[in-house]
Amino acid sequence: MPGPGAPAPYFVSQGGRLRDRFPADRLPAWLSENDLDVYAGEFERTGMSGALNRYRNMDRDWEDLARFAGAPITQPSLFIGGGMDAPTTWMADAIDAYPTTLPGLVSSHILDGCGHWIQQERPAEVNRLLTDWLVSLPS
C-alpha cells in the first residue's frame, strides 16, 4: 500500500490502467514468480468469467436476501481481515457493529500490515486462527 497521502492503488483516473498503479519492479514477498505463472496460466486457460461472476451477481444477492435485512447472524463466526485491505477500512463501521450484527462472533482479528490476500500474506497466522476457532466450537 502507498504511504499516507499517496493515492490509493485501487482507484484509477479516467484513461488510466489499474496495473499502472502497482510497483512493476518487484512482486510482494507472498507472491512468487511461480505462483504468478500458475495464476496467469489458469486465467489464460479458463478466462475471467468465474472471477467476475461473483460481482455480476451482487444485485441478485440483494434481491434474494432482502427478507433477511437487519437480521443478525447468530451462528458461531470468526472474522479475519487485513489492516491494509481497502474493504476493511471502507467497512470499519460494519466491523464496529459486529457485536449487534454477529452476536455469534467468537473472535475478530485485524492483521496489521496485511492486505486483501490474508491467506497468502500470512498463511501460518491465518491457519492458526482458523484452527483455534474451529477447536473452540462445541461439538
C-alpha atoms as a PDB file:
ATOM      1  CA  MET A   1       0.000   0.000   0.000  1.00  0.00           C
ATOM      2  CA  PRO A   2       1.181   3.525  -0.657  1.00  0.00           C
ATOM      3  CA  GLY A   3       2.169   5.752   2.227  1.00  0.00           C
ATOM      4  CA  PRO A   4      -0.091   8.321   3.899  1.00  0.00           C
ATOM      5  CA  GLY A   5      -1.319  10.996   1.489  1.00  0.00           C
ATOM      6  CA  ALA A   6      -0.445   8.960  -1.620  1.00  0.00           C
ATOM      7  CA  PRO A   7      -3.287   7.975  -3.954  1.00  0.00           C
ATOM      8  CA  ALA A   8      -4.815   4.550  -3.316  1.00  0.00           C
ATOM      9  CA  PRO A   9      -3.724   1.949  -5.912  1.00  0.00           C
ATOM     10  CA  TYR A  10      -7.269   0.629  -6.448  1.00  0.00           C
ATOM     11  CA  PHE A  11      -8.587   3.923  -7.870  1.00  0.00           C
ATOM     12  CA  VAL A  12      -7.644   4.707 -11.437  1.00  0.00           C
ATOM     13  CA  SER A  13      -8.134   8.023 -13.172  1.00  0.00           C
ATOM     14  CA  GLN A  14     -10.052   8.091 -16.424  1.00  0.00           C
ATOM     15  CA  GLY A  15      -7.909   6.695 -19.216  1.00  0.00           C
ATOM     16  CA  GLY A  16      -5.547   5.075 -16.723  1.00  0.00           C
ATOM     17  CA  ARG A  17      -4.883   1.395 -16.125  1.00  0.00           C
ATOM     18  CA  LEU A  18      -5.056  -0.391 -12.790  1.00  0.00           C
ATOM     19  CA  ARG A  19      -1.735  -2.121 -13.421  1.00  0.00           C
ATOM     20  CA  ASP A  20      -0.037   1.267 -13.714  1.00  0.00           C
ATOM     21  CA  ARG A  21      -0.803   1.875 -10.019  1.00  0.00           C
ATOM     22  CA  PHE A  22       1.237  -1.068  -8.720  1.00  0.00           C
ATOM     23  CA  PRO A  23       5.026  -1.414  -8.410  1.00  0.00           C
ATOM     24  CA  ALA A  24       6.461  -3.024 -11.537  1.00  0.00           C
ATOM     25  CA  ASP A  25       9.942  -3.679 -10.179  1.00  0.00           C
ATOM     26  CA  ARG A  26       9.062  -6.359  -7.619  1.00  0.00           C
ATOM     27  CA  LEU A  27       6.444  -8.818  -6.503  1.00  0.00           C
ATOM     28  CA  PRO A  28       5.196  -8.788  -2.917  1.00  0.00           C
ATOM     29  CA  ALA A  29       7.027 -11.204  -0.620  1.00  0.00           C
ATOM     30  CA  TRP A  30       3.987 -13.513  -0.509  1.00  0.00           C
ATOM     31  CA  LEU A  31       3.743 -13.923  -4.329  1.00  0.00           C
ATOM     32  CA  SER A  32       6.471 -15.800  -6.180  1.00  0.00           C
ATOM     33  CA  GLU A  33       7.108 -15.794  -9.931  1.00  0.00           C
ATOM     34  CA  ASN A  34       5.963 -19.436  -9.945  1.00  0.00           C
ATOM     35  CA  ASP A  35       2.690 -18.515  -8.183  1.00  0.00           C
ATOM     36  CA  LEU A  36       2.093 -15.744 -10.700  1.00  0.00           C
ATOM     37  CA  ASP A  37       2.776 -18.154 -13.592  1.00  0.00           C
ATOM     38  CA  VAL A  38       0.209 -20.610 -12.172  1.00  0.00           C
ATOM     39  CA  TYR A  39      -2.459 -17.912 -11.755  1.00  0.00           C
ATOM     40  CA  ALA A  40      -1.789 -16.432 -15.190  1.00  0.00           C
ATOM     41  CA  GLY A  41      -1.907 -19.899 -16.754  1.00  0.00           C
ATOM     42  CA  GLU A  42      -5.259 -20.662 -15.136  1.00  0.00           C
ATOM     43  CA  PHE A  43      -6.757 -17.342 -16.235  1.00  0.00           C
ATOM     44  CA  GLU A  44      -5.474 -17.981 -19.776  1.00  0.00           C
ATOM     45  CA  ARG A  45      -6.998 -21.481 -19.685  1.00  0.00           C
ATOM     46  CA  THR A  46     -10.363 -20.640 -18.105  1.00  0.00           C
ATOM     47  CA  GLY A  47     -10.832 -16.920 -18.692  1.00  0.00           C
ATOM     48  CA  MET A  48     -12.010 -14.327 -16.196  1.00  0.00           C
ATOM     49  CA  SER A  49     -15.716 -15.228 -16.108  1.00  0.00           C
ATOM     50  CA  GLY A  50     -15.508 -17.215 -12.892  1.00  0.00           C
ATOM     51  CA  ALA A  51     -13.592 -14.485 -11.114  1.00  0.00           C
ATOM     52  CA  LEU A  52     -16.035 -11.811 -12.262  1.00  0.00           C
ATOM     53  CA  ASN A  53     -19.297 -13.725 -11.782  1.00  0.00           C
ATOM     54  CA  ARG A  54     -19.264 -13.048  -8.049  1.00  0.00           C
ATOM     55  CA  TYR A  55     -19.508  -9.329  -8.747  1.00  0.00           C
ATOM     56  CA  ARG A  56     -22.013  -9.774 -11.563  1.00  0.00           C
ATOM     57  CA  ASN A  57     -24.388 -11.494  -9.136  1.00  0.00           C
ATOM     58  CA  MET A  58     -24.354  -8.821  -6.426  1.00  0.00           C
ATOM     59  CA  ASP A  59     -27.688  -7.271  -7.408  1.00  0.00           C
ATOM     60  CA  ARG A  60     -29.338 -10.689  -7.240  1.00  0.00           C
ATOM     61  CA  ASP A  61     -27.891 -11.175  -3.759  1.00  0.00           C
ATOM     62  CA  TRP A  62     -29.652  -8.010  -2.572  1.00  0.00           C
ATOM     63  CA  GLU A  63     -32.926  -9.291  -4.011  1.00  0.00           C
ATOM     64  CA  ASP A  64     -32.545 -12.839  -2.675  1.00  0.00           C
ATOM     65  CA  LEU A  65     -31.510 -11.715   0.795  1.00  0.00           C
ATOM     66  CA  ALA A  66     -33.952  -8.803   1.180  1.00  0.00           C
ATOM     67  CA  ARG A  67     -36.182 -10.750   3.575  1.00  0.00           C
ATOM     68  CA  PHE A  68     -33.203 -11.078   5.947  1.00  0.00           C
ATOM     69  CA  ALA A  69     -32.370  -7.350   6.010  1.00  0.00           C
ATOM     70  CA  GLY A  70     -31.345  -6.351   9.517  1.00  0.00           C
ATOM     71  CA  ALA A  71     -31.418  -9.924  10.844  1.00  0.00           C
ATOM     72  CA  PRO A  72     -28.356 -10.803  12.932  1.00  0.00           C
ATOM     73  CA  ILE A  73     -26.189 -13.786  12.023  1.00  0.00           C
ATOM     74  CA  THR A  74     -26.276 -15.915  15.151  1.00  0.00           C
ATOM     75  CA  GLN A  75     -24.106 -18.864  14.099  1.00  0.00           C
ATOM     76  CA  PRO A  76     -20.626 -19.011  15.610  1.00  0.00           C
ATOM     77  CA  SER A  77     -18.420 -16.874  13.407  1.00  0.00           C
ATOM     78  CA  LEU A  78     -14.879 -15.639  13.027  1.00  0.00           C
ATOM     79  CA  PHE A  79     -13.620 -12.513  11.273  1.00  0.00           C
ATOM     80  CA  ILE A  80     -10.078 -12.091   9.982  1.00  0.00           C
ATOM     81  CA  GLY A  81      -9.162  -9.047   7.908  1.00  0.00           C
ATOM     82  CA  GLY A  82      -6.075  -7.213   6.777  1.00  0.00           C
ATOM     83  CA  GLY A  83      -5.345  -3.834   8.298  1.00  0.00           C
ATOM     84  CA  MET A  84      -4.242  -2.588   4.875  1.00  0.00           C
ATOM     85  CA  ASP A  85      -7.206  -4.061   2.997  1.00  0.00           C
ATOM     86  CA  ALA A  86      -9.430  -1.425   1.436  1.00  0.00           C
ATOM     87  CA  PRO A  87     -12.738  -3.148   2.357  1.00  0.00           C
ATOM     88  CA  THR A  88     -11.599  -3.429   5.985  1.00  0.00           C
ATOM     89  CA  THR A  89     -11.121   0.333   6.132  1.00  0.00           C
ATOM     90  CA  TRP A  90     -14.178   1.193   4.000  1.00  0.00           C
ATOM     91  CA  MET A  91     -16.331  -1.091   6.105  1.00  0.00           C
ATOM     92  CA  ALA A  92     -14.973  -0.064   9.522  1.00  0.00           C
ATOM     93  CA  ASP A  93     -18.492   0.895  10.663  1.00  0.00           C
ATOM     94  CA  ALA A  94     -19.760  -2.576   9.761  1.00  0.00           C
ATOM     95  CA  ILE A  95     -16.900  -4.171  11.703  1.00  0.00           C
ATOM     96  CA  ASP A  96     -17.670  -1.937  14.702  1.00  0.00           C
ATOM     97  CA  ALA A  97     -21.296  -3.166  14.521  1.00  0.00           C
ATOM     98  CA  TYR A  98     -20.355  -6.865  14.739  1.00  0.00           C
ATOM     99  CA  PRO A  99     -21.476  -7.216  18.383  1.00  0.00           C
ATOM    100  CA  THR A 100     -25.005  -6.443  17.128  1.00  0.00           C
ATOM    101  CA  THR A 101     -24.957  -7.917  13.623  1.00  0.00           C
ATOM    102  CA  LEU A 102     -22.898 -11.005  14.503  1.00  0.00           C
ATOM    103  CA  PRO A 103     -23.869 -11.928  18.059  1.00  0.00           C
ATOM    104  CA  GLY A 104     -22.285 -15.335  17.478  1.00  0.00           C
ATOM    105  CA  LEU A 105     -18.895 -13.782  16.715  1.00  0.00           C
ATOM    106  CA  VAL A 106     -16.325 -15.775  18.643  1.00  0.00           C
ATOM    107  CA  SER A 107     -13.342 -13.616  17.724  1.00  0.00           C
ATOM    108  CA  SER A 108     -12.272 -10.874  15.356  1.00  0.00           C
ATOM    109  CA  HIS A 109      -8.756 -10.197  14.116  1.00  0.00           C
ATOM    110  CA  ILE A 110      -7.311  -7.372  12.036  1.00  0.00           C
ATOM    111  CA  LEU A 111      -3.824  -8.349  10.875  1.00  0.00           C
ATOM    112  CA  ASP A 112      -1.592  -5.267  10.946  1.00  0.00           C
ATOM    113  CA  GLY A 113       0.413  -4.678   7.794  1.00  0.00           C
ATOM    114  CA  CYS A 114      -1.649  -7.240   5.882  1.00  0.00           C
ATOM    115  CA  GLY A 115      -3.644  -6.532   2.731  1.00  0.00           C
ATOM    116  CA  HIS A 116      -6.501  -8.298   0.970  1.00  0.00           C
ATOM    117  CA  TRP A 117      -4.950 -11.727   0.458  1.00  0.00           C
ATOM    118  CA  ILE A 118      -4.522 -12.634   4.124  1.00  0.00           C
ATOM    119  CA  GLN A 119      -4.279 -16.374   3.446  1.00  0.00           C
ATOM    120  CA  GLN A 120      -1.305 -15.809   1.115  1.00  0.00           C
ATOM    121  CA  GLU A 121       0.303 -12.989   3.063  1.00  0.00           C
ATOM    122  CA  ARG A 122       0.096 -14.674   6.481  1.00  0.00           C
ATOM    123  CA  PRO A 123      -0.707 -18.359   5.906  1.00  0.00           C
ATOM    124  CA  ALA A 124       0.590 -19.646   9.250  1.00  0.00           C
ATOM    125  CA  GLU A 125      -1.225 -16.977  11.270  1.00  0.00           C
ATOM    126  CA  VAL A 126      -4.489 -17.388   9.352  1.00  0.00           C
ATOM    127  CA  ASN A 127      -4.335 -21.186   9.683  1.00  0.00           C
ATOM    128  CA  ARG A 128      -3.659 -20.882  13.426  1.00  0.00           C
ATOM    129  CA  LEU A 129      -6.598 -18.508  13.887  1.00  0.00           C
ATOM    130  CA  LEU A 130      -8.892 -20.771  11.862  1.00  0.00           C
ATOM    131  CA  THR A 131      -7.891 -23.982  13.616  1.00  0.00           C
ATOM    132  CA  ASP A 132      -8.038 -22.364  17.080  1.00  0.00           C
ATOM    133  CA  TRP A 133     -11.538 -21.108  16.257  1.00  0.00           C
ATOM    134  CA  LEU A 134     -12.682 -24.494  14.919  1.00  0.00           C
ATOM    135  CA  VAL A 135     -11.351 -26.295  18.000  1.00  0.00           C
ATOM    136  CA  SER A 136     -13.214 -23.834  20.250  1.00  0.00           C
ATOM    137  CA  LEU A 137     -16.599 -24.657  18.691  1.00  0.00           C
ATOM    138  CA  PRO A 138     -18.896 -27.015  20.559  1.00  0.00           C
ATOM    139  CA  SER A 139     -19.007 -30.474  19.048  1.00  0.00           C
END
